[in-house]
Amino acid sequence: MAQWLYRIVPSRPGMVIAPTPEEERIVGEHFRYLVSLRDAGVLILAGRTQEHPGTFGITIFDADDEQAARAVLDGDPAVAAGVFTATLHPYAVAVARDGLVG
């Protein structure tokens, strides 16, 4: 199993500090999607930077190959809806706190 990272950035400047109701709804779906990946044992970690402007998020996860990794990225409701743009990268955790990586 390989590790992958996808990096997301808001498609609309200002979305993080002043989201529309629709963006808020979709970001809620995004969060629930990440929780479902965690519960399925796929997600390693996810989060975002806390600055604005310039914020971005990362999701680090396990997938068998690039096709499976792309399916995880494409399954993210906020990416699919265009609220976030995303890039996919092969990744390898080199050092982690005990228990973070299996």
PDB file of N, CA and C in Angstrom:
ATOM      1  N   MET A   1       0.851  -1.182   0.000  1.00  0.00           N
ATOM      2  CA  MET A   1       0.000   0.000   0.000  1.00  0.00           C
ATOM      3  C   MET A   1       0.889   1.234   0.000  1.00  0.00           C
ATOM      4  N   ALA A   2       0.585   2.161  -0.859  1.00  0.00           N
ATOM      5  CA  ALA A   2       1.350   3.408  -0.966  1.00  0.00           C
ATOM      6  C   ALA A   2       0.620   4.534  -0.240  1.00  0.00           C
ATOM      7  N   GLN A   3       1.372   5.557   0.099  1.00  0.00           N
ATOM      8  CA  GLN A   3       0.786   6.751   0.702  1.00  0.00           C
ATOM      9  C   GLN A   3       0.686   7.846  -0.352  1.00  0.00           C
ATOM     10  N   TRP A   4      -0.342   8.652  -0.207  1.00  0.00           N
ATOM     11  CA  TRP A   4      -0.626   9.731  -1.143  1.00  0.00           C
ATOM     12  C   TRP A   4      -1.019  10.974  -0.367  1.00  0.00           C
ATOM     13  N   LEU A   5      -0.856  12.115  -1.006  1.00  0.00           N
ATOM     14  CA  LEU A   5      -1.252  13.391  -0.430  1.00  0.00           C
ATOM     15  C   LEU A   5      -2.039  14.146  -1.482  1.00  0.00           C
ATOM     16  N   TYR A   6      -3.181  14.693  -1.087  1.00  0.00           N
ATOM     17  CA  TYR A   6      -3.766  15.696  -1.969  1.00  0.00           C
ATOM     18  C   TYR A   6      -3.858  17.012  -1.225  1.00  0.00           C
ATOM     19  N   ARG A   7      -3.520  18.052  -1.965  1.00  0.00           N
ATOM     20  CA  ARG A   7      -3.478  19.423  -1.441  1.00  0.00           C
ATOM     21  C   ARG A   7      -4.658  20.163  -2.034  1.00  0.00           C
ATOM     22  N   ILE A   8      -5.421  20.825  -1.177  1.00  0.00           N
ATOM     23  CA  ILE A   8      -6.578  21.578  -1.650  1.00  0.00           C
ATOM     24  C   ILE A   8      -6.409  23.055  -1.327  1.00  0.00           C
ATOM     25  N   VAL A   9      -6.933  23.873  -2.219  1.00  0.00           N
ATOM     26  CA  VAL A   9      -6.984  25.319  -1.996  1.00  0.00           C
ATOM     27  C   VAL A   9      -8.397  25.785  -2.357  1.00  0.00           C
ATOM     28  N   PRO A  10      -8.901  26.787  -1.639  1.00  0.00           N
ATOM     29  CA  PRO A  10     -10.227  27.308  -1.976  1.00  0.00           C
ATOM     30  C   PRO A  10     -10.233  27.864  -3.401  1.00  0.00           C
ATOM     31  N   SER A  11     -11.294  27.573  -4.122  1.00  0.00           N
ATOM     32  CA  SER A  11     -11.419  28.080  -5.491  1.00  0.00           C
ATOM     33  C   SER A  11     -11.768  29.559  -5.522  1.00  0.00           C
ATOM     34  N   ARG A  12     -12.429  30.027  -4.453  1.00  0.00           N
ATOM     35  CA  ARG A  12     -12.834  31.429  -4.395  1.00  0.00           C
ATOM     36  C   ARG A  12     -12.083  32.122  -3.265  1.00  0.00           C
ATOM     37  N   PRO A  13     -11.344  33.171  -3.586  1.00  0.00           N
ATOM     38  CA  PRO A  13     -10.683  33.928  -2.515  1.00  0.00           C
ATOM     39  C   PRO A  13     -11.732  34.417  -1.509  1.00  0.00           C
ATOM     40  N   GLY A  14     -11.427  34.311  -0.258  1.00  0.00           N
ATOM     41  CA  GLY A  14     -12.352  34.753   0.774  1.00  0.00           C
ATOM     42  C   GLY A  14     -13.321  33.694   1.249  1.00  0.00           C
ATOM     43  N   MET A  15     -13.340  32.537   0.589  1.00  0.00           N
ATOM     44  CA  MET A  15     -14.275  31.488   0.966  1.00  0.00           C
ATOM     45  C   MET A  15     -14.075  31.042   2.412  1.00  0.00           C
ATOM     46  N   VAL A  16     -12.836  31.002   2.877  1.00  0.00           N
ATOM     47  CA  VAL A  16     -12.559  30.514   4.229  1.00  0.00           C
ATOM     48  C   VAL A  16     -13.144  31.451   5.286  1.00  0.00           C
ATOM     49  N   ILE A  17     -13.073  32.753   5.063  1.00  0.00           N
ATOM     50  CA  ILE A  17     -13.561  33.688   6.081  1.00  0.00           C
ATOM     51  C   ILE A  17     -15.008  34.122   5.856  1.00  0.00           C
ATOM     52  N   ALA A  18     -15.520  33.964   4.646  1.00  0.00           N
ATOM     53  CA  ALA A  18     -16.894  34.379   4.350  1.00  0.00           C
ATOM     54  C   ALA A  18     -17.534  33.414   3.352  1.00  0.00           C
ATOM     55  N   PRO A  19     -17.775  32.161   3.771  1.00  0.00           N
ATOM     56  CA  PRO A  19     -18.369  31.194   2.846  1.00  0.00           C
ATOM     57  C   PRO A  19     -19.846  31.493   2.594  1.00  0.00           C
ATOM     58  N   THR A  20     -20.293  31.147   1.413  1.00  0.00           N
ATOM     59  CA  THR A  20     -21.724  31.207   1.125  1.00  0.00           C
ATOM     60  C   THR A  20     -22.397  30.035   1.848  1.00  0.00           C
ATOM     61  N   PRO A  21     -23.712  30.072   2.018  1.00  0.00           N
ATOM     62  CA  PRO A  21     -24.395  28.916   2.620  1.00  0.00           C
ATOM     63  C   PRO A  21     -24.123  27.616   1.859  1.00  0.00           C
ATOM     64  N   GLU A  22     -24.074  27.689   0.543  1.00  0.00           N
ATOM     65  CA  GLU A  22     -23.799  26.481  -0.254  1.00  0.00           C
ATOM     66  C   GLU A  22     -22.375  25.984  -0.010  1.00  0.00           C
ATOM     67  N   GLU A  23     -21.409  26.884   0.045  1.00  0.00           N
ATOM     68  CA  GLU A  23     -20.033  26.477   0.347  1.00  0.00           C
ATOM     69  C   GLU A  23     -19.950  25.848   1.733  1.00  0.00           C
ATOM     70  N   GLU A  24     -20.637  26.425   2.713  1.00  0.00           N
ATOM     71  CA  GLU A  24     -20.648  25.842   4.062  1.00  0.00           C
ATOM     72  C   GLU A  24     -21.202  24.425   4.036  1.00  0.00           C
ATOM     73  N   ARG A  25     -22.285  24.220   3.302  1.00  0.00           N
ATOM     74  CA  ARG A  25     -22.892  22.890   3.200  1.00  0.00           C
ATOM     75  C   ARG A  25     -21.908  21.898   2.581  1.00  0.00           C
ATOM     76  N   ILE A  26     -21.269  22.302   1.508  1.00  0.00           N
ATOM     77  CA  ILE A  26     -20.345  21.405   0.809  1.00  0.00           C
ATOM     78  C   ILE A  26     -19.105  21.132   1.654  1.00  0.00           C
ATOM     79  N   VAL A  27     -18.602  22.120   2.369  1.00  0.00           N
ATOM     80  CA  VAL A  27     -17.449  21.892   3.250  1.00  0.00           C
ATOM     81  C   VAL A  27     -17.835  20.927   4.372  1.00  0.00           C
ATOM     82  N   GLY A  28     -19.074  20.987   4.841  1.00  0.00           N
ATOM     83  CA  GLY A  28     -19.556  19.993   5.809  1.00  0.00           C
ATOM     84  C   GLY A  28     -19.533  18.590   5.229  1.00  0.00           C
ATOM     85  N   GLU A  29     -19.940  18.451   3.971  1.00  0.00           N
ATOM     86  CA  GLU A  29     -19.864  17.148   3.290  1.00  0.00           C
ATOM     87  C   GLU A  29     -18.413  16.697   3.164  1.00  0.00           C
ATOM     88  N   HIS A  30     -17.535  17.626   2.863  1.00  0.00           N
ATOM     89  CA  HIS A  30     -16.098  17.336   2.770  1.00  0.00           C
ATOM     90  C   HIS A  30     -15.593  16.765   4.097  1.00  0.00           C
ATOM     91  N   PHE A  31     -15.947  17.407   5.204  1.00  0.00           N
ATOM     92  CA  PHE A  31     -15.510  16.932   6.518  1.00  0.00           C
ATOM     93  C   PHE A  31     -16.052  15.530   6.791  1.00  0.00           C
ATOM     94  N   ARG A  32     -17.325  15.306   6.511  1.00  0.00           N
ATOM     95  CA  ARG A  32     -17.904  13.967   6.734  1.00  0.00           C
ATOM     96  C   ARG A  32     -17.225  12.923   5.846  1.00  0.00           C
ATOM     97  N   TYR A  33     -16.837  13.307   4.642  1.00  0.00           N
ATOM     98  CA  TYR A  33     -16.113  12.393   3.751  1.00  0.00           C
ATOM     99  C   TYR A  33     -14.778  12.003   4.366  1.00  0.00           C
ATOM    100  N   LEU A  34     -14.051  12.982   4.902  1.00  0.00           N
ATOM    101  CA  LEU A  34     -12.766  12.681   5.539  1.00  0.00           C
ATOM    102  C   LEU A  34     -12.954  11.760   6.738  1.00  0.00           C
ATOM    103  N   VAL A  35     -13.995  11.983   7.528  1.00  0.00           N
ATOM    104  CA  VAL A  35     -14.279  11.101   8.667  1.00  0.00           C
ATOM    105  C   VAL A  35     -14.565   9.686   8.173  1.00  0.00           C
ATOM    106  N   SER A  36     -15.286   9.558   7.071  1.00  0.00           N
ATOM    107  CA  SER A  36     -15.578   8.222   6.532  1.00  0.00           C
ATOM    108  C   SER A  36     -14.301   7.530   6.059  1.00  0.00           C
ATOM    109  N   LEU A  37     -13.364   8.291   5.489  1.00  0.00           N
ATOM    110  CA  LEU A  37     -12.075   7.708   5.092  1.00  0.00           C
ATOM    111  C   LEU A  37     -11.295   7.249   6.317  1.00  0.00           C
ATOM    112  N   ARG A  38     -11.333   8.055   7.379  1.00  0.00           N
ATOM    113  CA  ARG A  38     -10.672   7.658   8.625  1.00  0.00           C
ATOM    114  C   ARG A  38     -11.284   6.368   9.160  1.00  0.00           C
ATOM    115  N   ASP A  39     -12.598   6.319   9.209  1.00  0.00           N
ATOM    116  CA  ASP A  39     -13.286   5.152   9.757  1.00  0.00           C
ATOM    117  C   ASP A  39     -13.033   3.897   8.931  1.00  0.00           C
ATOM    118  N   ALA A  40     -12.765   4.064   7.636  1.00  0.00           N
ATOM    119  CA  ALA A  40     -12.463   2.934   6.750  1.00  0.00           C
ATOM    120  C   ALA A  40     -10.994   2.529   6.803  1.00  0.00           C
ATOM    121  N   GLY A  41     -10.183   3.255   7.585  1.00  0.00           N
ATOM    122  CA  GLY A  41      -8.761   2.935   7.689  1.00  0.00           C
ATOM    123  C   GLY A  41      -7.926   3.451   6.536  1.00  0.00           C
ATOM    124  N   VAL A  42      -8.460   4.369   5.749  1.00  0.00           N
ATOM    125  CA  VAL A  42      -7.760   4.917   4.582  1.00  0.00           C
ATOM    126  C   VAL A  42      -6.985   6.182   4.948  1.00  0.00           C
ATOM    127  N   LEU A  43      -7.606   7.060   5.708  1.00  0.00           N
ATOM    128  CA  LEU A  43      -7.030   8.360   6.050  1.00  0.00           C
ATOM    129  C   LEU A  43      -5.933   8.229   7.102  1.00  0.00           C
ATOM    130  N   ILE A  44      -4.804   8.874   6.853  1.00  0.00           N
ATOM    131  CA  ILE A  44      -3.731   8.981   7.848  1.00  0.00           C
ATOM    132  C   ILE A  44      -3.917  10.269   8.637  1.00  0.00           C
ATOM    133  N   LEU A  45      -4.056  11.394   7.936  1.00  0.00           N
ATOM    134  CA  LEU A  45      -4.349  12.668   8.601  1.00  0.00           C
ATOM    135  C   LEU A  45      -4.868  13.656   7.581  1.00  0.00           C
ATOM    136  N   ALA A  46      -5.562  14.665   8.089  1.00  0.00           N
ATOM    137  CA  ALA A  46      -6.053  15.750   7.239  1.00  0.00           C
ATOM    138  C   ALA A  46      -6.138  17.008   8.084  1.00  0.00           C
ATOM    139  N   GLY A  47      -5.919  18.147   7.445  1.00  0.00           N
ATOM    140  CA  GLY A  47      -6.033  19.422   8.142  1.00  0.00           C
ATOM    141  C   GLY A  47      -5.688  20.550   7.200  1.00  0.00           C
ATOM    142  N   ARG A  48      -5.737  21.772   7.761  1.00  0.00           N
ATOM    143  CA  ARG A  48      -5.427  22.927   6.924  1.00  0.00           C
ATOM    144  C   ARG A  48      -4.601  23.934   7.701  1.00  0.00           C
ATOM    145  N   THR A  49      -3.930  24.768   6.938  1.00  0.00           N
ATOM    146  CA  THR A  49      -3.179  25.857   7.545  1.00  0.00           C
ATOM    147  C   THR A  49      -4.171  26.875   8.098  1.00  0.00           C
ATOM    148  N   GLN A  50      -3.703  27.678   9.034  1.00  0.00           N
ATOM    149  CA  GLN A  50      -4.602  28.596   9.725  1.00  0.00           C
ATOM    150  C   GLN A  50      -4.399  30.056   9.343  1.00  0.00           C
ATOM    151  N   GLU A  51      -3.694  30.297   8.245  1.00  0.00           N
ATOM    152  CA  GLU A  51      -3.526  31.687   7.822  1.00  0.00           C
ATOM    153  C   GLU A  51      -4.502  32.024   6.705  1.00  0.00           C
ATOM    154  N   HIS A  52      -4.738  33.313   6.570  1.00  0.00           N
ATOM    155  CA  HIS A  52      -5.549  33.803   5.466  1.00  0.00           C
ATOM    156  C   HIS A  52      -4.999  35.166   5.072  1.00  0.00           C
ATOM    157  N   PRO A  53      -4.789  35.446   3.825  1.00  0.00           N
ATOM    158  CA  PRO A  53      -4.987  34.531   2.699  1.00  0.00           C
ATOM    159  C   PRO A  53      -3.865  33.497   2.603  1.00  0.00           C
ATOM    160  N   GLY A  54      -4.036  32.595   1.692  1.00  0.00           N
ATOM    161  CA  GLY A  54      -3.004  31.604   1.429  1.00  0.00           C
ATOM    162  C   GLY A  54      -3.238  30.256   2.069  1.00  0.00           C
ATOM    163  N   THR A  55      -4.382  30.068   2.718  1.00  0.00           N
ATOM    164  CA  THR A  55      -4.628  28.793   3.378  1.00  0.00           C
ATOM    165  C   THR A  55      -4.708  27.649   2.369  1.00  0.00           C
ATOM    166  N   PHE A  56      -4.302  26.479   2.814  1.00  0.00           N
ATOM    167  CA  PHE A  56      -4.464  25.264   2.024  1.00  0.00           C
ATOM    168  C   PHE A  56      -4.646  24.098   2.983  1.00  0.00           C
ATOM    169  N   GLY A  57      -5.203  23.023   2.468  1.00  0.00           N
ATOM    170  CA  GLY A  57      -5.396  21.818   3.261  1.00  0.00           C
ATOM    171  C   GLY A  57      -4.636  20.666   2.652  1.00  0.00           C
ATOM    172  N   ILE A  58      -4.336  19.673   3.505  1.00  0.00           N
ATOM    173  CA  ILE A  58      -3.720  18.444   3.004  1.00  0.00           C
ATOM    174  C   ILE A  58      -4.481  17.249   3.558  1.00  0.00           C
ATOM    175  N   THR A  59      -4.525  16.227   2.754  1.00  0.00           N
ATOM    176  CA  THR A  59      -5.080  14.937   3.146  1.00  0.00           C
ATOM    177  C   THR A  59      -4.031  13.899   2.790  1.00  0.00           C
ATOM    178  N   ILE A  60      -3.575  13.152   3.783  1.00  0.00           N
ATOM    179  CA  ILE A  60      -2.596  12.085   3.568  1.00  0.00           C
ATOM    180  C   ILE A  60      -3.322  10.771   3.816  1.00  0.00           C
ATOM    181  N   PHE A  61      -3.174   9.843   2.885  1.00  0.00           N
ATOM    182  CA  PHE A  61      -3.980   8.624   2.943  1.00  0.00           C
ATOM    183  C   PHE A  61      -3.267   7.474   2.241  1.00  0.00           C
ATOM    184  N   ASP A  62      -3.785   6.273   2.459  1.00  0.00           N
ATOM    185  CA  ASP A  62      -3.275   5.063   1.818  1.00  0.00           C
ATOM    186  C   ASP A  62      -4.125   4.718   0.600  1.00  0.00           C
ATOM    187  N   ALA A  63      -3.467   4.273  -0.466  1.00  0.00           N
ATOM    188  CA  ALA A  63      -4.156   3.760  -1.652  1.00  0.00           C
ATOM    189  C   ALA A  63      -3.207   2.810  -2.371  1.00  0.00           C
ATOM    190  N   ASP A  64      -3.771   1.832  -3.046  1.00  0.00           N
ATOM    191  CA  ASP A  64      -2.955   0.821  -3.721  1.00  0.00           C
ATOM    192  C   ASP A  64      -2.124   1.386  -4.863  1.00  0.00           C
ATOM    193  N   ASP A  65      -2.688   2.338  -5.601  1.00  0.00           N
ATOM    194  CA  ASP A  65      -2.003   2.873  -6.773  1.00  0.00           C
ATOM    195  C   ASP A  65      -2.590   4.242  -7.110  1.00  0.00           C
ATOM    196  N   GLU A  66      -2.069   4.853  -8.162  1.00  0.00           N
ATOM    197  CA  GLU A  66      -2.525   6.198  -8.518  1.00  0.00           C
ATOM    198  C   GLU A  66      -4.002   6.226  -8.885  1.00  0.00           C
ATOM    199  N   GLN A  67      -4.470   5.201  -9.554  1.00  0.00           N
ATOM    200  CA  GLN A  67      -5.888   5.162  -9.927  1.00  0.00           C
ATOM    201  C   GLN A  67      -6.771   5.157  -8.678  1.00  0.00           C
ATOM    202  N   ALA A  68      -6.414   4.355  -7.690  1.00  0.00           N
ATOM    203  CA  ALA A  68      -7.180   4.316  -6.437  1.00  0.00           C
ATOM    204  C   ALA A  68      -7.056   5.637  -5.683  1.00  0.00           C
ATOM    205  N   ALA A  69      -5.866   6.237  -5.709  1.00  0.00           N
ATOM    206  CA  ALA A  69      -5.667   7.528  -5.042  1.00  0.00           C
ATOM    207  C   ALA A  69      -6.506   8.607  -5.711  1.00  0.00           C
ATOM    208  N   ARG A  70      -6.548   8.595  -7.032  1.00  0.00           N
ATOM    209  CA  ARG A  70      -7.349   9.582  -7.756  1.00  0.00           C
ATOM    210  C   ARG A  70      -8.826   9.408  -7.425  1.00  0.00           C
ATOM    211  N   ALA A  71      -9.269   8.165  -7.232  1.00  0.00           N
ATOM    212  CA  ALA A  71     -10.668   7.927  -6.869  1.00  0.00           C
ATOM    213  C   ALA A  71     -10.985   8.530  -5.498  1.00  0.00           C
ATOM    214  N   VAL A  72     -10.034   8.464  -4.564  1.00  0.00           N
ATOM    215  CA  VAL A  72     -10.227   9.093  -3.252  1.00  0.00           C
ATOM    216  C   VAL A  72     -10.362  10.601  -3.425  1.00  0.00           C
ATOM    217  N   LEU A  73      -9.454  11.205  -4.165  1.00  0.00           N
ATOM    218  CA  LEU A  73      -9.505  12.655  -4.401  1.00  0.00           C
ATOM    219  C   LEU A  73     -10.806  13.035  -5.101  1.00  0.00           C
ATOM    220  N   ASP A  74     -11.152  12.324  -6.159  1.00  0.00           N
ATOM    221  CA  ASP A  74     -12.352  12.648  -6.929  1.00  0.00           C
ATOM    222  C   ASP A  74     -13.629  12.432  -6.124  1.00  0.00           C
ATOM    223  N   GLY A  75     -13.562  11.579  -5.093  1.00  0.00           N
ATOM    224  CA  GLY A  75     -14.721  11.334  -4.246  1.00  0.00           C
ATOM    225  C   GLY A  75     -14.985  12.429  -3.236  1.00  0.00           C
ATOM    226  N   ASP A  76     -14.052  13.347  -3.067  1.00  0.00           N
ATOM    227  CA  ASP A  76     -14.222  14.443  -2.112  1.00  0.00           C
ATOM    228  C   ASP A  76     -15.310  15.386  -2.642  1.00  0.00           C
ATOM    229  N   PRO A  77     -16.404  15.544  -1.905  1.00  0.00           N
ATOM    230  CA  PRO A  77     -17.503  16.377  -2.405  1.00  0.00           C
ATOM    231  C   PRO A  77     -17.108  17.822  -2.698  1.00  0.00           C
ATOM    232  N   ALA A  78     -16.187  18.385  -1.930  1.00  0.00           N
ATOM    233  CA  ALA A  78     -15.793  19.780  -2.149  1.00  0.00           C
ATOM    234  C   ALA A  78     -14.929  19.929  -3.394  1.00  0.00           C
ATOM    235  N   VAL A  79     -14.163  18.907  -3.721  1.00  0.00           N
ATOM    236  CA  VAL A  79     -13.387  18.913  -4.963  1.00  0.00           C
ATOM    237  C   VAL A  79     -14.342  18.722  -6.141  1.00  0.00           C
ATOM    238  N   ALA A  80     -15.244  17.745  -6.014  1.00  0.00           N
ATOM    239  CA  ALA A  80     -16.196  17.466  -7.093  1.00  0.00           C
ATOM    240  C   ALA A  80     -17.075  18.678  -7.394  1.00  0.00           C
ATOM    241  N   ALA A  81     -17.431  19.451  -6.355  1.00  0.00           N
ATOM    242  CA  ALA A  81     -18.292  20.623  -6.537  1.00  0.00           C
ATOM    243  C   ALA A  81     -17.523  21.867  -6.966  1.00  0.00           C
ATOM    244  N   GLY A  82     -16.193  21.785  -6.981  1.00  0.00           N
ATOM    245  CA  GLY A  82     -15.388  22.926  -7.387  1.00  0.00           C
ATOM    246  C   GLY A  82     -15.165  23.963  -6.295  1.00  0.00           C
ATOM    247  N   VAL A  83     -15.534  23.645  -5.048  1.00  0.00           N
ATOM    248  CA  VAL A  83     -15.277  24.559  -3.932  1.00  0.00           C
ATOM    249  C   VAL A  83     -13.781  24.621  -3.644  1.00  0.00           C
ATOM    250  N   PHE A  84     -13.109  23.484  -3.798  1.00  0.00           N
ATOM    251  CA  PHE A  84     -11.655  23.408  -3.671  1.00  0.00           C
ATOM    252  C   PHE A  84     -11.080  22.901  -4.981  1.00  0.00           C
ATOM    253  N   THR A  85      -9.876  23.359  -5.321  1.00  0.00           N
ATOM    254  CA  THR A  85      -9.098  22.719  -6.372  1.00  0.00           C
ATOM    255  C   THR A  85      -8.060  21.848  -5.682  1.00  0.00           C
ATOM    256  N   ALA A  86      -7.693  20.756  -6.320  1.00  0.00           N
ATOM    257  CA  ALA A  86      -6.827  19.778  -5.664  1.00  0.00           C
ATOM    258  C   ALA A  86      -5.729  19.294  -6.596  1.00  0.00           C
ATOM    259  N   THR A  87      -4.594  18.966  -5.990  1.00  0.00           N
ATOM    260  CA  THR A  87      -3.503  18.308  -6.705  1.00  0.00           C
ATOM    261  C   THR A  87      -3.114  17.068  -5.919  1.00  0.00           C
ATOM    262  N   LEU A  88      -2.784  16.014  -6.639  1.00  0.00           N
ATOM    263  CA  LEU A  88      -2.448  14.720  -6.050  1.00  0.00           C
ATOM    264  C   LEU A  88      -0.953  14.474  -6.167  1.00  0.00           C
ATOM    265  N   HIS A  89      -0.356  13.938  -5.098  1.00  0.00           N
ATOM    266  CA  HIS A  89       1.078  13.674  -5.073  1.00  0.00           C
ATOM    267  C   HIS A  89       1.361  12.341  -4.383  1.00  0.00           C
ATOM    268  N   PRO A  90       2.291  11.522  -4.917  1.00  0.00           N
ATOM    269  CA  PRO A  90       2.765  10.379  -4.143  1.00  0.00           C
ATOM    270  C   PRO A  90       3.476  10.920  -2.905  1.00  0.00           C
ATOM    271  N   TYR A  91       3.383  10.211  -1.797  1.00  0.00           N
ATOM    272  CA  TYR A  91       3.885  10.732  -0.529  1.00  0.00           C
ATOM    273  C   TYR A  91       4.423   9.583   0.306  1.00  0.00           C
ATOM    274  N   ALA A  92       5.299   9.896   1.222  1.00  0.00           N
ATOM    275  CA  ALA A  92       5.782   8.893   2.176  1.00  0.00           C
ATOM    276  C   ALA A  92       6.060   9.583   3.501  1.00  0.00           C
ATOM    277  N   VAL A  93       5.341   9.169   4.531  1.00  0.00           N
ATOM    278  CA  VAL A  93       5.620   9.677   5.872  1.00  0.00           C
ATOM    279  C   VAL A  93       6.981   9.136   6.281  1.00  0.00           C
ATOM    280  N   ALA A  94       7.897  10.014   6.665  1.00  0.00           N
ATOM    281  CA  ALA A  94       9.245   9.599   7.053  1.00  0.00           C
ATOM    282  C   ALA A  94       9.378   9.444   8.562  1.00  0.00           C
ATOM    283  N   VAL A  95       8.786  10.356   9.317  1.00  0.00           N
ATOM    284  CA  VAL A  95       8.843  10.321  10.775  1.00  0.00           C
ATOM    285  C   VAL A  95       7.466  10.716  11.285  1.00  0.00           C
ATOM    286  N   ALA A  96       6.963   9.982  12.265  1.00  0.00           N
ATOM    287  CA  ALA A  96       5.646  10.305  12.815  1.00  0.00           C
ATOM    288  C   ALA A  96       5.606   9.966  14.295  1.00  0.00           C
ATOM    289  N   ARG A  97       4.729  10.618  14.984  1.00  0.00           N
ATOM    290  CA  ARG A  97       4.476  10.315  16.385  1.00  0.00           C
ATOM    291  C   ARG A  97       3.932   8.893  16.494  1.00  0.00           C
ATOM    292  N   ASP A  98       4.256   8.190  17.567  1.00  0.00           N
ATOM    293  CA  ASP A  98       3.764   6.824  17.763  1.00  0.00           C
ATOM    294  C   ASP A  98       2.253   6.768  17.595  1.00  0.00           C
ATOM    295  N   GLY A  99       1.801   5.766  16.861  1.00  0.00           N
ATOM    296  CA  GLY A  99       0.387   5.558  16.660  1.00  0.00           C
ATOM    297  C   GLY A  99      -0.212   6.322  15.499  1.00  0.00           C
ATOM    298  N   LEU A 100       0.506   7.291  14.948  1.00  0.00           N
ATOM    299  CA  LEU A 100      -0.050   8.081  13.848  1.00  0.00           C
ATOM    300  C   LEU A 100      -0.090   7.280  12.554  1.00  0.00           C
ATOM    301  N   VAL A 101       0.939   6.511  12.304  1.00  0.00           N
ATOM    302  CA  VAL A 101       1.032   5.731  11.072  1.00  0.00           C
ATOM    303  C   VAL A 101       1.173   4.269  11.450  1.00  0.00           C
ATOM    304  N   GLY A 102       0.338   3.421  10.797  1.00  0.00           N
ATOM    305  CA  GLY A 102       0.351   1.991  11.105  1.00  0.00           C
ATOM    306  C   GLY A 102       1.569   1.365  10.632  1.00  0.00           C
TER     307      GLY A 102
END
